Amino acid sequence: MHSTVQISATVAILTALSACGGAGGSALDQYEARYEADLEKGVALFNTPGTAWNAMPANGSANYNGGAVILIDRDDTNDLDDILILGDTDITANFRAGTMTGTIDNMVGATNITENDADIADVTGEIEIGGSTSIVGDDEDDNFTNRPNDWYADYYGNIGFNGDSYEVEGGINGQFVGTRANPSNGQSPARGIIGESDDGFATINGEYETNEAFVSLELYGEN
């Protein structure tokens, strides 16, 4: 999976957001600072080589903490109503069971993003990762993964933003990255995880098949 970095979600939104300016303590400034910090950490992990196949654990578990960027595209002809959400990831890899489970929470969203401003608001709820399906390593059927350092997990959540509800779901294709030759106590040989999804969707305000949006997601985590 290990592709070029796409954690910015869309180049247009990243460019507009980077041009925003404020007084230093506004919600927009705090959002920008968090975005830039997540981008820096995410880029570093997305540029890290995949974990060596022979170093992938067969037993035990590891916890990975990091960030996520979620783009809800309500209308592909109008960028202003896009919602760019930042969240925190907490994901556990159970190597013995071959599962990836966790959450994305502590979310904040931005919409109506222009070169000078954006509407910022907290996002309620959380997104569950691996609630129904998850895989660590090579999927025997090769339906989702095909390498020892691959992982896959579905995601689902009911979240709220600016008075609207979004039922989001999709699947994440991921990879373990970085290899620790001599991990200390509590550390995993697989230093980090990256994941991305470009086939998710959201049902808006419970209006199935009539009011839905495209969802893309990228995340990272470090052990």
C-alpha atoms as a PDB file:
ATOM      1  CA  MET A   1       0.000   0.000   0.000  1.00  0.00           C
ATOM      2  CA  HIS A   2       2.883   2.297   0.875  1.00  0.00           C
ATOM      3  CA  SER A   3       2.057   5.149  -1.507  1.00  0.00           C
ATOM      4  CA  THR A   4       3.015   8.794  -1.724  1.00  0.00           C
ATOM      5  CA  VAL A   5       1.811  10.979   1.133  1.00  0.00           C
ATOM      6  CA  GLN A   6      -1.819  12.048   0.804  1.00  0.00           C
ATOM      7  CA  ILE A   7      -2.553  12.967   4.416  1.00  0.00           C
ATOM      8  CA  SER A   8      -3.493  16.513   3.413  1.00  0.00           C
ATOM      9  CA  ALA A   9      -6.756  15.021   2.021  1.00  0.00           C
ATOM     10  CA  THR A  10      -6.936  17.503  -0.877  1.00  0.00           C
ATOM     11  CA  VAL A  11      -4.313  19.890  -2.186  1.00  0.00           C
ATOM     12  CA  ALA A  12      -6.887  22.637  -2.597  1.00  0.00           C
ATOM     13  CA  ILE A  13      -8.003  22.504   1.030  1.00  0.00           C
ATOM     14  CA  LEU A  14      -4.432  22.308   2.332  1.00  0.00           C
ATOM     15  CA  THR A  15      -3.399  25.326   0.254  1.00  0.00           C
ATOM     16  CA  ALA A  16      -6.343  27.413   1.409  1.00  0.00           C
ATOM     17  CA  LEU A  17      -5.921  26.394   5.024  1.00  0.00           C
ATOM     18  CA  SER A  18      -2.219  27.232   5.063  1.00  0.00           C
ATOM     19  CA  ALA A  19      -3.042  30.749   3.872  1.00  0.00           C
ATOM     20  CA  CYS A  20      -5.441  31.413   6.739  1.00  0.00           C
ATOM     21  CA  GLY A  21      -4.288  33.785   9.431  1.00  0.00           C
ATOM     22  CA  GLY A  22      -5.599  34.842  12.817  1.00  0.00           C
ATOM     23  CA  ALA A  23      -4.825  36.535  16.081  1.00  0.00           C
ATOM     24  CA  GLY A  24      -2.903  33.595  17.532  1.00  0.00           C
ATOM     25  CA  GLY A  25      -5.436  32.159  19.976  1.00  0.00           C
ATOM     26  CA  SER A  26      -8.589  31.709  17.923  1.00  0.00           C
ATOM     27  CA  ALA A  27     -10.243  28.391  17.146  1.00  0.00           C
ATOM     28  CA  LEU A  28      -8.889  28.697  13.614  1.00  0.00           C
ATOM     29  CA  ASP A  29      -5.318  29.212  14.865  1.00  0.00           C
ATOM     30  CA  GLN A  30      -5.603  26.201  17.165  1.00  0.00           C
ATOM     31  CA  TYR A  31      -6.983  24.110  14.309  1.00  0.00           C
ATOM     32  CA  GLU A  32      -4.141  25.166  12.013  1.00  0.00           C
ATOM     33  CA  ALA A  33      -1.524  24.368  14.651  1.00  0.00           C
ATOM     34  CA  ARG A  34      -2.986  20.920  15.221  1.00  0.00           C
ATOM     35  CA  TYR A  35      -3.239  20.308  11.480  1.00  0.00           C
ATOM     36  CA  GLU A  36       0.391  21.253  10.897  1.00  0.00           C
ATOM     37  CA  ALA A  37       1.609  19.085  13.802  1.00  0.00           C
ATOM     38  CA  ASP A  38      -0.389  16.091  12.538  1.00  0.00           C
ATOM     39  CA  LEU A  39       0.841  16.684   8.998  1.00  0.00           C
ATOM     40  CA  GLU A  40       4.484  16.725  10.108  1.00  0.00           C
ATOM     41  CA  LYS A  41       4.176  13.491  12.087  1.00  0.00           C
ATOM     42  CA  GLY A  42       2.054  11.824   9.439  1.00  0.00           C
ATOM     43  CA  VAL A  43       4.424  12.697   6.603  1.00  0.00           C
ATOM     44  CA  ALA A  44       7.339  11.243   8.572  1.00  0.00           C
ATOM     45  CA  LEU A  45       5.556   7.911   9.069  1.00  0.00           C
ATOM     46  CA  PHE A  46       4.181   7.759   5.525  1.00  0.00           C
ATOM     47  CA  ASN A  47       7.794   8.147   4.336  1.00  0.00           C
ATOM     48  CA  THR A  48       9.073   5.405   6.661  1.00  0.00           C
ATOM     49  CA  PRO A  49       9.811   2.028   5.022  1.00  0.00           C
ATOM     50  CA  GLY A  50       7.461  -0.820   5.823  1.00  0.00           C
ATOM     51  CA  THR A  51       8.325  -3.056   8.768  1.00  0.00           C
ATOM     52  CA  ALA A  52      10.668  -5.876   7.748  1.00  0.00           C
ATOM     53  CA  TRP A  53       8.615  -8.981   7.102  1.00  0.00           C
ATOM     54  CA  ASN A  54      10.775 -11.171   9.327  1.00  0.00           C
ATOM     55  CA  ALA A  55      10.410  -8.661  12.171  1.00  0.00           C
ATOM     56  CA  MET A  56       6.609  -8.729  12.273  1.00  0.00           C
ATOM     57  CA  PRO A  57       5.464 -10.135  15.636  1.00  0.00           C
ATOM     58  CA  ALA A  58       3.474 -13.354  15.735  1.00  0.00           C
ATOM     59  CA  ASN A  59       2.354 -12.941  19.347  1.00  0.00           C
ATOM     60  CA  GLY A  60       1.459 -10.230  21.799  1.00  0.00           C
ATOM     61  CA  SER A  61      -0.038  -6.844  21.043  1.00  0.00           C
ATOM     62  CA  ALA A  62       0.982  -3.212  20.572  1.00  0.00           C
ATOM     63  CA  ASN A  63      -0.823   0.089  20.992  1.00  0.00           C
ATOM     64  CA  TYR A  64      -0.449   2.861  18.413  1.00  0.00           C
ATOM     65  CA  ASN A  65      -1.395   6.487  19.069  1.00  0.00           C
ATOM     66  CA  GLY A  66      -1.487   9.294  16.527  1.00  0.00           C
ATOM     67  CA  GLY A  67      -3.811  11.319  14.367  1.00  0.00           C
ATOM     68  CA  ALA A  68      -6.345  11.121  11.573  1.00  0.00           C
ATOM     69  CA  VAL A  69      -7.589  13.398   8.810  1.00  0.00           C
ATOM     70  CA  ILE A  70     -11.106  12.765   7.497  1.00  0.00           C
ATOM     71  CA  LEU A  71     -12.652  14.519   4.511  1.00  0.00           C
ATOM     72  CA  ILE A  72     -16.440  14.500   4.080  1.00  0.00           C
ATOM     73  CA  ASP A  73     -17.282  15.682   0.573  1.00  0.00           C
ATOM     74  CA  ARG A  74     -20.969  16.565   0.547  1.00  0.00           C
ATOM     75  CA  ASP A  75     -21.017  17.809  -3.050  1.00  0.00           C
ATOM     76  CA  ASP A  76     -18.221  17.197  -5.558  1.00  0.00           C
ATOM     77  CA  THR A  77     -19.124  20.414  -7.376  1.00  0.00           C
ATOM     78  CA  ASN A  78     -18.721  22.608  -4.281  1.00  0.00           C
ATOM     79  CA  ASP A  79     -15.516  22.589  -2.209  1.00  0.00           C
ATOM     80  CA  LEU A  80     -16.819  25.093   0.353  1.00  0.00           C
ATOM     81  CA  ASP A  81     -19.178  22.585   1.963  1.00  0.00           C
ATOM     82  CA  ASP A  82     -16.397  20.005   2.406  1.00  0.00           C
ATOM     83  CA  ILE A  83     -15.687  19.134   6.051  1.00  0.00           C
ATOM     84  CA  LEU A  84     -12.057  18.495   7.024  1.00  0.00           C
ATOM     85  CA  ILE A  85     -11.919  16.700  10.387  1.00  0.00           C
ATOM     86  CA  LEU A  86      -8.881  16.178  12.610  1.00  0.00           C
ATOM     87  CA  GLY A  87      -8.967  13.409  15.204  1.00  0.00           C
ATOM     88  CA  ASP A  88      -6.823  11.348  17.561  1.00  0.00           C
ATOM     89  CA  THR A  89      -6.243   7.661  16.871  1.00  0.00           C
ATOM     90  CA  ASP A  90      -5.828   4.907  19.463  1.00  0.00           C
ATOM     91  CA  ILE A  91      -5.393   1.523  17.794  1.00  0.00           C
ATOM     92  CA  THR A  92      -4.319  -1.840  19.189  1.00  0.00           C
ATOM     93  CA  ALA A  93      -2.723  -4.491  17.000  1.00  0.00           C
ATOM     94  CA  ASN A  94      -3.259  -7.973  18.415  1.00  0.00           C
ATOM     95  CA  PHE A  95      -0.664  -9.949  16.513  1.00  0.00           C
ATOM     96  CA  ARG A  96      -1.669 -13.337  17.904  1.00  0.00           C
ATOM     97  CA  ALA A  97      -5.344 -12.859  17.040  1.00  0.00           C
ATOM     98  CA  GLY A  98      -4.559 -10.951  13.840  1.00  0.00           C
ATOM     99  CA  THR A  99      -6.841  -8.009  14.606  1.00  0.00           C
ATOM    100  CA  MET A 100      -6.709  -4.195  14.541  1.00  0.00           C
ATOM    101  CA  THR A 101      -9.187  -2.422  16.822  1.00  0.00           C
ATOM    102  CA  GLY A 102      -9.462   1.113  18.144  1.00  0.00           C
ATOM    103  CA  THR A 103     -11.075   4.513  17.865  1.00  0.00           C
ATOM    104  CA  ILE A 104     -10.811   7.971  16.356  1.00  0.00           C
ATOM    105  CA  ASP A 105     -12.065  10.599  18.800  1.00  0.00           C
ATOM    106  CA  ASN A 106     -11.359  14.107  20.147  1.00  0.00           C
ATOM    107  CA  MET A 107     -12.360  15.456  16.743  1.00  0.00           C
ATOM    108  CA  VAL A 108     -12.661  19.006  15.416  1.00  0.00           C
ATOM    109  CA  GLY A 109     -13.871  20.003  11.971  1.00  0.00           C
ATOM    110  CA  ALA A 110     -13.459  22.890   9.532  1.00  0.00           C
ATOM    111  CA  THR A 111     -15.756  23.891   6.685  1.00  0.00           C
ATOM    112  CA  ASN A 112     -16.297  26.919   4.439  1.00  0.00           C
ATOM    113  CA  ILE A 113     -12.507  27.075   4.119  1.00  0.00           C
ATOM    114  CA  THR A 114     -11.192  30.046   2.144  1.00  0.00           C
ATOM    115  CA  GLU A 115      -7.825  31.775   1.938  1.00  0.00           C
ATOM    116  CA  ASN A 116      -8.816  34.037   4.838  1.00  0.00           C
ATOM    117  CA  ASP A 117     -11.193  32.131   7.085  1.00  0.00           C
ATOM    118  CA  ALA A 118     -12.924  28.886   7.991  1.00  0.00           C
ATOM    119  CA  ASP A 119     -15.770  27.752  10.233  1.00  0.00           C
ATOM    120  CA  ILE A 120     -14.389  25.623  13.080  1.00  0.00           C
ATOM    121  CA  ALA A 121     -16.497  23.461  15.402  1.00  0.00           C
ATOM    122  CA  ASP A 122     -16.090  20.397  17.605  1.00  0.00           C
ATOM    123  CA  VAL A 123     -17.209  17.045  16.201  1.00  0.00           C
ATOM    124  CA  THR A 124     -19.235  14.902  18.589  1.00  0.00           C
ATOM    125  CA  GLY A 125     -19.097  11.116  18.802  1.00  0.00           C
ATOM    126  CA  GLU A 126     -16.337   8.741  17.784  1.00  0.00           C
ATOM    127  CA  ILE A 127     -15.389   6.385  14.974  1.00  0.00           C
ATOM    128  CA  GLU A 128     -14.810   2.724  15.789  1.00  0.00           C
ATOM    129  CA  ILE A 129     -12.066   0.897  13.915  1.00  0.00           C
ATOM    130  CA  GLY A 130     -12.167  -2.860  13.363  1.00  0.00           C
ATOM    131  CA  GLY A 131     -15.553  -3.371  14.944  1.00  0.00           C
ATOM    132  CA  SER A 132     -16.627  -6.014  12.414  1.00  0.00           C
ATOM    133  CA  THR A 133     -13.607  -6.905  10.279  1.00  0.00           C
ATOM    134  CA  SER A 134      -9.865  -6.550  10.716  1.00  0.00           C
ATOM    135  CA  ILE A 135      -6.749  -8.375   9.562  1.00  0.00           C
ATOM    136  CA  VAL A 136      -3.057  -8.280  10.458  1.00  0.00           C
ATOM    137  CA  GLY A 137      -0.631  -9.763   7.952  1.00  0.00           C
ATOM    138  CA  ASP A 138      -1.281 -11.674   4.750  1.00  0.00           C
ATOM    139  CA  ASP A 139      -4.957 -12.424   4.213  1.00  0.00           C
ATOM    140  CA  GLU A 140      -5.141 -16.046   3.109  1.00  0.00           C
ATOM    141  CA  ASP A 141      -7.767 -15.171   0.509  1.00  0.00           C
ATOM    142  CA  ASP A 142      -5.886 -12.021  -0.607  1.00  0.00           C
ATOM    143  CA  ASN A 143      -9.145 -10.085  -0.472  1.00  0.00           C
ATOM    144  CA  PHE A 144      -7.759  -7.255   1.659  1.00  0.00           C
ATOM    145  CA  THR A 145      -4.023  -7.789   2.320  1.00  0.00           C
ATOM    146  CA  ASN A 146      -1.192  -9.689   0.699  1.00  0.00           C
ATOM    147  CA  ARG A 147       1.988  -8.956   2.718  1.00  0.00           C
ATOM    148  CA  PRO A 148       3.097  -9.799   6.270  1.00  0.00           C
ATOM    149  CA  ASN A 149       3.282  -6.097   7.206  1.00  0.00           C
ATOM    150  CA  ASP A 150      -0.145  -5.171   5.799  1.00  0.00           C
ATOM    151  CA  TRP A 151      -3.283  -4.607   7.826  1.00  0.00           C
ATOM    152  CA  TYR A 152      -6.939  -3.905   7.088  1.00  0.00           C
ATOM    153  CA  ALA A 153      -9.859  -2.739   9.225  1.00  0.00           C
ATOM    154  CA  ASP A 154     -13.358  -1.468   8.671  1.00  0.00           C
ATOM    155  CA  TYR A 155     -14.577   1.708  10.367  1.00  0.00           C
ATOM    156  CA  TYR A 156     -17.971   2.966  11.483  1.00  0.00           C
ATOM    157  CA  GLY A 157     -19.262   5.876  13.518  1.00  0.00           C
ATOM    158  CA  ASN A 158     -22.097   8.283  14.179  1.00  0.00           C
ATOM    159  CA  ILE A 159     -20.690  11.785  14.465  1.00  0.00           C
ATOM    160  CA  GLY A 160     -22.173  15.265  14.637  1.00  0.00           C
ATOM    161  CA  PHE A 161     -20.995  18.568  13.200  1.00  0.00           C
ATOM    162  CA  ASN A 162     -22.742  21.953  13.014  1.00  0.00           C
ATOM    163  CA  GLY A 163     -26.167  20.477  13.784  1.00  0.00           C
ATOM    164  CA  ASP A 164     -25.980  17.641  11.236  1.00  0.00           C
ATOM    165  CA  SER A 165     -25.401  13.943  11.882  1.00  0.00           C
ATOM    166  CA  TYR A 166     -23.105  11.792   9.760  1.00  0.00           C
ATOM    167  CA  GLU A 167     -23.142   7.998   9.784  1.00  0.00           C
ATOM    168  CA  VAL A 168     -19.714   7.208   8.320  1.00  0.00           C
ATOM    169  CA  GLU A 169     -18.344   3.853   7.251  1.00  0.00           C
ATOM    170  CA  GLY A 170     -15.694   2.319   5.046  1.00  0.00           C
ATOM    171  CA  GLY A 171     -12.523   0.220   5.034  1.00  0.00           C
ATOM    172  CA  ILE A 172      -8.918   1.166   5.784  1.00  0.00           C
ATOM    173  CA  ASN A 173      -5.921  -0.316   3.966  1.00  0.00           C
ATOM    174  CA  GLY A 174      -2.853  -0.048   6.149  1.00  0.00           C
ATOM    175  CA  GLN A 175       0.761  -0.992   6.670  1.00  0.00           C
ATOM    176  CA  PHE A 176       3.136  -1.370   9.607  1.00  0.00           C
ATOM    177  CA  VAL A 177       6.183   0.872   9.180  1.00  0.00           C
ATOM    178  CA  GLY A 178       9.597   1.121  10.792  1.00  0.00           C
ATOM    179  CA  THR A 179      11.617  -1.733  12.265  1.00  0.00           C
ATOM    180  CA  ARG A 180      13.118  -1.739  15.753  1.00  0.00           C
ATOM    181  CA  ALA A 181      16.097  -4.072  15.885  1.00  0.00           C
ATOM    182  CA  ASN A 182      16.193  -4.142  19.685  1.00  0.00           C
ATOM    183  CA  PRO A 183      12.845  -2.995  21.077  1.00  0.00           C
ATOM    184  CA  SER A 184      12.882  -2.193  24.768  1.00  0.00           C
ATOM    185  CA  ASN A 185      10.299  -3.474  27.223  1.00  0.00           C
ATOM    186  CA  GLY A 186       6.807  -2.535  26.040  1.00  0.00           C
ATOM    187  CA  GLN A 187       7.903  -1.569  22.549  1.00  0.00           C
ATOM    188  CA  SER A 188       6.957  -3.389  19.370  1.00  0.00           C
ATOM    189  CA  PRO A 189       9.396  -4.260  16.575  1.00  0.00           C
ATOM    190  CA  ALA A 190       6.832  -2.544  14.302  1.00  0.00           C
ATOM    191  CA  ARG A 191       7.293   1.119  15.250  1.00  0.00           C
ATOM    192  CA  GLY A 192       4.287   2.671  13.550  1.00  0.00           C
ATOM    193  CA  ILE A 193       1.199   2.279  11.397  1.00  0.00           C
ATOM    194  CA  ILE A 194      -0.242   4.185   8.453  1.00  0.00           C
ATOM    195  CA  GLY A 195      -3.618   3.715   6.813  1.00  0.00           C
ATOM    196  CA  GLU A 196      -5.851   5.254   4.183  1.00  0.00           C
ATOM    197  CA  SER A 197      -9.344   4.873   2.793  1.00  0.00           C
ATOM    198  CA  ASP A 198     -10.798   6.409  -0.346  1.00  0.00           C
ATOM    199  CA  ASP A 199     -14.040   4.445  -0.629  1.00  0.00           C
ATOM    200  CA  GLY A 200     -16.009   5.482   2.442  1.00  0.00           C
ATOM    201  CA  PHE A 201     -19.370   7.205   2.571  1.00  0.00           C
ATOM    202  CA  ALA A 202     -21.566   9.063   5.021  1.00  0.00           C
ATOM    203  CA  THR A 203     -25.324   9.112   5.383  1.00  0.00           C
ATOM    204  CA  ILE A 204     -26.393  12.622   6.390  1.00  0.00           C
ATOM    205  CA  ASN A 205     -29.193  13.083   8.932  1.00  0.00           C
ATOM    206  CA  GLY A 206     -30.384   9.508   8.436  1.00  0.00           C
ATOM    207  CA  GLU A 207     -31.492  10.117   4.845  1.00  0.00           C
ATOM    208  CA  TYR A 208     -30.297   6.894   3.250  1.00  0.00           C
ATOM    209  CA  GLU A 209     -29.685   6.893  -0.525  1.00  0.00           C
ATOM    210  CA  THR A 210     -30.921  10.498  -0.810  1.00  0.00           C
ATOM    211  CA  ASN A 211     -28.438  12.512   1.251  1.00  0.00           C
ATOM    212  CA  GLU A 212     -25.041  10.833   1.239  1.00  0.00           C
ATOM    213  CA  ALA A 213     -21.450  12.023   0.948  1.00  0.00           C
ATOM    214  CA  PHE A 214     -18.063  10.654  -0.089  1.00  0.00           C
ATOM    215  CA  VAL A 215     -15.579  10.074   2.748  1.00  0.00           C
ATOM    216  CA  SER A 216     -11.793   9.735   2.594  1.00  0.00           C
ATOM    217  CA  LEU A 217      -9.607   9.052   5.602  1.00  0.00           C
ATOM    218  CA  GLU A 218      -5.926   8.874   6.446  1.00  0.00           C
ATOM    219  CA  LEU A 219      -4.363   8.006   9.771  1.00  0.00           C
ATOM    220  CA  TYR A 220      -1.077   7.286  11.450  1.00  0.00           C
ATOM    221  CA  GLY A 221       0.066   5.995  14.834  1.00  0.00           C
ATOM    222  CA  GLU A 222       3.282   5.323  16.687  1.00  0.00           C
ATOM    223  CA  ASN A 223       4.084   2.766  19.361  1.00  0.00           C
END
